Amino acid sequence: PVAVKHRLNDEYLDFFGDPENGGYASL
């Protein structure tokens, strides 16, 4: 929803660490 509002491509979401075990993601 944030990406859509700001006309950003969520395909550029990068993951850091394992998302299942405390990892996170940044666009």
PDB file of all heavy atoms in Angstrom:
ATOM      1  N   PRO A   1       0.811  -1.228   0.000  1.00  0.00           N
ATOM      2  CA  PRO A   1       0.000   0.000   0.000  1.00  0.00           C
ATOM      3  C   PRO A   1       0.843   1.278   0.000  1.00  0.00           C
ATOM      4  O   PRO A   1       0.482   2.259  -0.658  1.00  0.00           O
ATOM      5  CB  PRO A   1      -0.825  -0.127   1.279  1.00  0.00           C
ATOM      6  CG  PRO A   1      -0.873  -1.590   1.566  1.00  0.00           C
ATOM      7  CD  PRO A   1       0.459  -2.113   1.130  1.00  0.00           C
ATOM      8  N   VAL A   2       1.955   1.259   0.743  1.00  0.00           N
ATOM      9  CA  VAL A   2       2.837   2.431   0.768  1.00  0.00           C
ATOM     10  C   VAL A   2       3.486   2.628  -0.601  1.00  0.00           C
ATOM     11  O   VAL A   2       3.593   3.751  -1.107  1.00  0.00           O
ATOM     12  CB  VAL A   2       3.916   2.275   1.858  1.00  0.00           C
ATOM     13  CG1 VAL A   2       4.804   3.512   1.913  1.00  0.00           C
ATOM     14  CG2 VAL A   2       3.276   2.016   3.211  1.00  0.00           C
ATOM     15  N   ALA A   3       3.920   1.514  -1.216  1.00  0.00           N
ATOM     16  CA  ALA A   3       4.537   1.591  -2.541  1.00  0.00           C
ATOM     17  C   ALA A   3       3.553   2.114  -3.575  1.00  0.00           C
ATOM     18  O   ALA A   3       3.901   2.968  -4.408  1.00  0.00           O
ATOM     19  CB  ALA A   3       5.055   0.215  -2.949  1.00  0.00           C
ATOM     20  N   VAL A   4       2.324   1.634  -3.526  1.00  0.00           N
ATOM     21  CA  VAL A   4       1.312   2.067  -4.500  1.00  0.00           C
ATOM     22  C   VAL A   4       1.041   3.560  -4.367  1.00  0.00           C
ATOM     23  O   VAL A   4       0.990   4.293  -5.366  1.00  0.00           O
ATOM     24  CB  VAL A   4       0.015   1.256  -4.320  1.00  0.00           C
ATOM     25  CG1 VAL A   4      -1.117   1.857  -5.148  1.00  0.00           C
ATOM     26  CG2 VAL A   4       0.231  -0.202  -4.728  1.00  0.00           C
ATOM     27  N   LYS A   5       0.864   4.035  -3.136  1.00  0.00           N
ATOM     28  CA  LYS A   5       0.584   5.458  -2.926  1.00  0.00           C
ATOM     29  C   LYS A   5       1.691   6.334  -3.493  1.00  0.00           C
ATOM     30  O   LYS A   5       1.433   7.397  -4.068  1.00  0.00           O
ATOM     31  CB  LYS A   5       0.412   5.752  -1.433  1.00  0.00           C
ATOM     32  CG  LYS A   5       0.239   7.250  -1.135  1.00  0.00           C
ATOM     33  CD  LYS A   5       0.149   7.508   0.349  1.00  0.00           C
ATOM     34  CE  LYS A   5       0.106   9.012   0.646  1.00  0.00           C
ATOM     35  NZ  LYS A   5      -1.112   9.663   0.133  1.00  0.00           N
ATOM     36  N   HIS A   6       2.944   5.884  -3.340  1.00  0.00           N
ATOM     37  CA  HIS A   6       4.091   6.701  -3.729  1.00  0.00           C
ATOM     38  C   HIS A   6       4.666   6.305  -5.095  1.00  0.00           C
ATOM     39  O   HIS A   6       5.781   6.705  -5.444  1.00  0.00           O
ATOM     40  CB  HIS A   6       5.171   6.629  -2.644  1.00  0.00           C
ATOM     41  CG  HIS A   6       4.727   7.171  -1.329  1.00  0.00           C
ATOM     42  ND1 HIS A   6       4.199   6.375  -0.336  1.00  0.00           N
ATOM     43  CD2 HIS A   6       4.703   8.438  -0.837  1.00  0.00           C
ATOM     44  CE1 HIS A   6       3.889   7.125   0.718  1.00  0.00           C
ATOM     45  NE2 HIS A   6       4.188   8.377   0.432  1.00  0.00           N
ATOM     46  N   ARG A   7       3.914   5.496  -5.823  1.00  0.00           N
ATOM     47  CA  ARG A   7       4.290   5.086  -7.183  1.00  0.00           C
ATOM     48  C   ARG A   7       5.670   4.420  -7.211  1.00  0.00           C
ATOM     49  O   ARG A   7       6.499   4.693  -8.070  1.00  0.00           O
ATOM     50  CB  ARG A   7       4.251   6.291  -8.137  1.00  0.00           C
ATOM     51  CG  ARG A   7       2.904   6.991  -8.167  1.00  0.00           C
ATOM     52  CD  ARG A   7       2.856   8.122  -9.177  1.00  0.00           C
ATOM     53  NE  ARG A   7       3.881   9.125  -8.923  1.00  0.00           N
ATOM     54  CZ  ARG A   7       3.747  10.109  -8.047  1.00  0.00           C
ATOM     55  NH1 ARG A   7       2.641  10.206  -7.310  1.00  0.00           N
ATOM     56  NH2 ARG A   7       4.704  10.994  -7.877  1.00  0.00           N
ATOM     57  N   LEU A   8       5.890   3.521  -6.236  1.00  0.00           N
ATOM     58  CA  LEU A   8       7.144   2.786  -6.150  1.00  0.00           C
ATOM     59  C   LEU A   8       6.927   1.346  -6.588  1.00  0.00           C
ATOM     60  O   LEU A   8       5.816   0.814  -6.472  1.00  0.00           O
ATOM     61  CB  LEU A   8       7.680   2.823  -4.718  1.00  0.00           C
ATOM     62  CG  LEU A   8       7.894   4.204  -4.102  1.00  0.00           C
ATOM     63  CD1 LEU A   8       8.334   4.061  -2.647  1.00  0.00           C
ATOM     64  CD2 LEU A   8       8.896   5.022  -4.899  1.00  0.00           C
ATOM     65  N   ASN A   9       7.971   0.724  -7.042  1.00  0.00           N
ATOM     66  CA  ASN A   9       7.909  -0.661  -7.508  1.00  0.00           C
ATOM     67  C   ASN A   9       8.315  -1.597  -6.379  1.00  0.00           C
ATOM     68  O   ASN A   9       9.481  -1.629  -5.987  1.00  0.00           O
ATOM     69  CB  ASN A   9       8.829  -0.844  -8.716  1.00  0.00           C
ATOM     70  CG  ASN A   9       8.685  -2.218  -9.358  1.00  0.00           C
ATOM     71  OD1 ASN A   9       8.081  -3.126  -8.788  1.00  0.00           O
ATOM     72  ND2 ASN A   9       9.239  -2.373 -10.547  1.00  0.00           N
ATOM     73  N   ASP A  10       7.348  -2.388  -5.865  1.00  0.00           N
ATOM     74  CA  ASP A  10       7.685  -3.255  -4.741  1.00  0.00           C
ATOM     75  C   ASP A  10       8.538  -4.454  -5.149  1.00  0.00           C
ATOM     76  O   ASP A  10       8.935  -5.250  -4.304  1.00  0.00           O
ATOM     77  CB  ASP A  10       6.437  -3.715  -4.000  1.00  0.00           C
ATOM     78  CG  ASP A  10       5.517  -4.579  -4.843  1.00  0.00           C
ATOM     79  OD1 ASP A  10       5.803  -4.775  -6.040  1.00  0.00           O
ATOM     80  OD2 ASP A  10       4.516  -5.083  -4.302  1.00  0.00           O
ATOM     81  N   GLU A  11       8.836  -4.570  -6.438  1.00  0.00           N
ATOM     82  CA  GLU A  11       9.779  -5.606  -6.875  1.00  0.00           C
ATOM     83  C   GLU A  11      11.191  -5.290  -6.384  1.00  0.00           C
ATOM     84  O   GLU A  11      12.058  -6.165  -6.375  1.00  0.00           O
ATOM     85  CB  GLU A  11       9.767  -5.731  -8.402  1.00  0.00           C
ATOM     86  CG  GLU A  11       8.470  -6.291  -8.966  1.00  0.00           C
ATOM     87  CD  GLU A  11       8.165  -7.689  -8.437  1.00  0.00           C
ATOM     88  OE1 GLU A  11       9.104  -8.519  -8.369  1.00  0.00           O
ATOM     89  OE2 GLU A  11       7.004  -7.943  -8.067  1.00  0.00           O
ATOM     90  N   TYR A  12      11.418  -4.030  -5.986  1.00  0.00           N
ATOM     91  CA  TYR A  12      12.733  -3.630  -5.482  1.00  0.00           C
ATOM     92  C   TYR A  12      12.834  -3.797  -3.965  1.00  0.00           C
ATOM     93  O   TYR A  12      13.673  -3.160  -3.326  1.00  0.00           O
ATOM     94  CB  TYR A  12      13.033  -2.183  -5.867  1.00  0.00           C
ATOM     95  CG  TYR A  12      13.249  -2.004  -7.349  1.00  0.00           C
ATOM     96  CD1 TYR A  12      12.308  -1.347  -8.129  1.00  0.00           C
ATOM     97  CD2 TYR A  12      14.387  -2.508  -7.976  1.00  0.00           C
ATOM     98  CE1 TYR A  12      12.494  -1.188  -9.499  1.00  0.00           C
ATOM     99  CE2 TYR A  12      14.581  -2.359  -9.343  1.00  0.00           C
ATOM    100  CZ  TYR A  12      13.631  -1.705 -10.094  1.00  0.00           C
ATOM    101  OH  TYR A  12      13.816  -1.548 -11.447  1.00  0.00           O
ATOM    102  N   LEU A  13      11.995  -4.644  -3.394  1.00  0.00           N
ATOM    103  CA  LEU A  13      12.074  -4.945  -1.975  1.00  0.00           C
ATOM    104  C   LEU A  13      13.187  -5.966  -1.756  1.00  0.00           C
ATOM    105  O   LEU A  13      13.130  -7.087  -2.257  1.00  0.00           O
ATOM    106  CB  LEU A  13      10.738  -5.505  -1.480  1.00  0.00           C
ATOM    107  CG  LEU A  13      10.616  -5.717   0.024  1.00  0.00           C
ATOM    108  CD1 LEU A  13      10.604  -4.377   0.763  1.00  0.00           C
ATOM    109  CD2 LEU A  13       9.349  -6.514   0.357  1.00  0.00           C
ATOM    110  N   ASP A  14      14.206  -5.556  -1.008  1.00  0.00           N
ATOM    111  CA  ASP A  14      15.347  -6.424  -0.726  1.00  0.00           C
ATOM    112  C   ASP A  14      15.252  -6.970   0.693  1.00  0.00           C
ATOM    113  O   ASP A  14      14.872  -6.251   1.625  1.00  0.00           O
ATOM    114  CB  ASP A  14      16.665  -5.659  -0.882  1.00  0.00           C
ATOM    115  CG  ASP A  14      17.114  -5.559  -2.326  1.00  0.00           C
ATOM    116  OD1 ASP A  14      16.406  -6.093  -3.203  1.00  0.00           O
ATOM    117  OD2 ASP A  14      18.158  -4.933  -2.577  1.00  0.00           O
ATOM    118  N   PHE A  15      15.616  -8.236   0.848  1.00  0.00           N
ATOM    119  CA  PHE A  15      15.552  -8.889   2.155  1.00  0.00           C
ATOM    120  C   PHE A  15      16.951  -9.019   2.749  1.00  0.00           C
ATOM    121  O   PHE A  15      17.915  -9.305   2.047  1.00  0.00           O
ATOM    122  CB  PHE A  15      14.900 -10.271   2.024  1.00  0.00           C
ATOM    123  CG  PHE A  15      13.446 -10.194   1.653  1.00  0.00           C
ATOM    124  CD1 PHE A  15      13.051 -10.181   0.324  1.00  0.00           C
ATOM    125  CD2 PHE A  15      12.473 -10.109   2.636  1.00  0.00           C
ATOM    126  CE1 PHE A  15      11.712 -10.085  -0.018  1.00  0.00           C
ATOM    127  CE2 PHE A  15      11.131 -10.020   2.310  1.00  0.00           C
ATOM    128  CZ  PHE A  15      10.746 -10.007   0.976  1.00  0.00           C
ATOM    129  N   PHE A  16      17.015  -8.807   4.050  1.00  0.00           N
ATOM    130  CA  PHE A  16      18.273  -8.883   4.782  1.00  0.00           C
ATOM    131  C   PHE A  16      18.111  -9.915   5.892  1.00  0.00           C
ATOM    132  O   PHE A  16      17.260  -9.765   6.766  1.00  0.00           O
ATOM    133  CB  PHE A  16      18.639  -7.507   5.362  1.00  0.00           C
ATOM    134  CG  PHE A  16      18.829  -6.457   4.299  1.00  0.00           C
ATOM    135  CD1 PHE A  16      17.737  -5.758   3.803  1.00  0.00           C
ATOM    136  CD2 PHE A  16      20.085  -6.195   3.782  1.00  0.00           C
ATOM    137  CE1 PHE A  16      17.905  -4.788   2.816  1.00  0.00           C
ATOM    138  CE2 PHE A  16      20.263  -5.228   2.797  1.00  0.00           C
ATOM    139  CZ  PHE A  16      19.171  -4.526   2.309  1.00  0.00           C
ATOM    140  N   GLY A  17      18.924 -10.956   5.843  1.00  0.00           N
ATOM    141  CA  GLY A  17      18.757 -12.051   6.773  1.00  0.00           C
ATOM    142  C   GLY A  17      17.582 -12.925   6.375  1.00  0.00           C
ATOM    143  O   GLY A  17      16.951 -12.733   5.329  1.00  0.00           O
ATOM    144  N   ASP A  18      17.272 -13.874   7.207  1.00  0.00           N
ATOM    145  CA  ASP A  18      16.172 -14.804   6.950  1.00  0.00           C
ATOM    146  C   ASP A  18      14.869 -14.193   7.455  1.00  0.00           C
ATOM    147  O   ASP A  18      14.704 -13.983   8.660  1.00  0.00           O
ATOM    148  CB  ASP A  18      16.449 -16.122   7.680  1.00  0.00           C
ATOM    149  CG  ASP A  18      15.354 -17.161   7.452  1.00  0.00           C
ATOM    150  OD1 ASP A  18      14.378 -16.857   6.740  1.00  0.00           O
ATOM    151  OD2 ASP A  18      15.494 -18.276   7.984  1.00  0.00           O
ATOM    152  N   PRO A  19      13.921 -13.879   6.563  1.00  0.00           N
ATOM    153  CA  PRO A  19      12.658 -13.265   7.009  1.00  0.00           C
ATOM    154  C   PRO A  19      11.920 -14.089   8.049  1.00  0.00           C
ATOM    155  O   PRO A  19      11.181 -13.535   8.873  1.00  0.00           O
ATOM    156  CB  PRO A  19      11.846 -13.149   5.712  1.00  0.00           C
ATOM    157  CG  PRO A  19      12.844 -13.168   4.618  1.00  0.00           C
ATOM    158  CD  PRO A  19      13.962 -14.051   5.101  1.00  0.00           C
ATOM    159  N   GLU A  20      12.114 -15.410   8.025  1.00  0.00           N
ATOM    160  CA  GLU A  20      11.420 -16.267   8.987  1.00  0.00           C
ATOM    161  C   GLU A  20      12.059 -16.234  10.364  1.00  0.00           C
ATOM    162  O   GLU A  20      11.456 -16.667  11.350  1.00  0.00           O
ATOM    163  CB  GLU A  20      11.408 -17.721   8.480  1.00  0.00           C
ATOM    164  CG  GLU A  20      10.734 -17.928   7.144  1.00  0.00           C
ATOM    165  CD  GLU A  20       9.237 -17.667   7.190  1.00  0.00           C
ATOM    166  OE1 GLU A  20       8.659 -17.754   8.303  1.00  0.00           O
ATOM    167  OE2 GLU A  20       8.644 -17.372   6.140  1.00  0.00           O
ATOM    168  N   ASN A  21      13.273 -15.705  10.451  1.00  0.00           N
ATOM    169  CA  ASN A  21      14.017 -15.719  11.717  1.00  0.00           C
ATOM    170  C   ASN A  21      14.631 -14.355  12.022  1.00  0.00           C
ATOM    171  O   ASN A  21      15.849 -14.213  12.169  1.00  0.00           O
ATOM    172  CB  ASN A  21      15.113 -16.787  11.680  1.00  0.00           C
ATOM    173  CG  ASN A  21      14.546 -18.196  11.630  1.00  0.00           C
ATOM    174  OD1 ASN A  21      14.004 -18.686  12.613  1.00  0.00           O
ATOM    175  ND2 ASN A  21      14.663 -18.835  10.472  1.00  0.00           N
ATOM    176  N   GLY A  22      13.790 -13.355  12.086  1.00  0.00           N
ATOM    177  CA  GLY A  22      14.244 -12.025  12.485  1.00  0.00           C
ATOM    178  C   GLY A  22      14.775 -11.160  11.362  1.00  0.00           C
ATOM    179  O   GLY A  22      15.216 -10.037  11.619  1.00  0.00           O
ATOM    180  N   GLY A  23      14.771 -11.651  10.116  1.00  0.00           N
ATOM    181  CA  GLY A  23      15.211 -10.833   8.999  1.00  0.00           C
ATOM    182  C   GLY A  23      14.220  -9.715   8.711  1.00  0.00           C
ATOM    183  O   GLY A  23      13.106  -9.683   9.242  1.00  0.00           O
ATOM    184  N   TYR A  24      14.637  -8.780   7.861  1.00  0.00           N
ATOM    185  CA  TYR A  24      13.771  -7.643   7.533  1.00  0.00           C
ATOM    186  C   TYR A  24      13.909  -7.321   6.056  1.00  0.00           C
ATOM    187  O   TYR A  24      14.718  -7.929   5.334  1.00  0.00           O
ATOM    188  CB  TYR A  24      14.127  -6.425   8.391  1.00  0.00           C
ATOM    189  CG  TYR A  24      15.520  -5.890   8.144  1.00  0.00           C
ATOM    190  CD1 TYR A  24      15.758  -4.859   7.242  1.00  0.00           C
ATOM    191  CD2 TYR A  24      16.614  -6.413   8.834  1.00  0.00           C
ATOM    192  CE1 TYR A  24      17.032  -4.372   7.013  1.00  0.00           C
ATOM    193  CE2 TYR A  24      17.900  -5.936   8.610  1.00  0.00           C
ATOM    194  CZ  TYR A  24      18.095  -4.916   7.703  1.00  0.00           C
ATOM    195  OH  TYR A  24      19.370  -4.439   7.480  1.00  0.00           O
ATOM    196  N   ALA A  25      13.125  -6.349   5.592  1.00  0.00           N
ATOM    197  CA  ALA A  25      13.142  -5.985   4.187  1.00  0.00           C
ATOM    198  C   ALA A  25      13.106  -4.466   4.033  1.00  0.00           C
ATOM    199  O   ALA A  25      12.475  -3.768   4.838  1.00  0.00           O
ATOM    200  CB  ALA A  25      11.937  -6.598   3.464  1.00  0.00           C
ATOM    201  N   SER A  26      13.801  -3.959   3.020  1.00  0.00           N
ATOM    202  CA  SER A  26      13.797  -2.529   2.709  1.00  0.00           C
ATOM    203  C   SER A  26      13.521  -2.341   1.227  1.00  0.00           C
ATOM    204  O   SER A  26      14.023  -3.096   0.386  1.00  0.00           O
ATOM    205  CB  SER A  26      15.132  -1.879   3.070  1.00  0.00           C
ATOM    206  OG  SER A  26      15.263  -1.703   4.461  1.00  0.00           O
ATOM    207  N   LEU A  27      12.729  -1.334   0.932  1.00  0.00           N
ATOM    208  CA  LEU A  27      12.392  -1.016  -0.451  1.00  0.00           C
ATOM    209  C   LEU A  27      13.389   0.010  -0.970  1.00  0.00           C
ATOM    210  O   LEU A  27      13.595   1.054  -0.357  1.00  0.00           O
ATOM    211  CB  LEU A  27      10.968  -0.459  -0.519  1.00  0.00           C
ATOM    212  CG  LEU A  27      10.363  -0.258  -1.900  1.00  0.00           C
ATOM    213  CD1 LEU A  27      10.264  -1.574  -2.658  1.00  0.00           C
ATOM    214  CD2 LEU A  27       8.985   0.386  -1.781  1.00  0.00           C
TER     215      LEU A  27
END
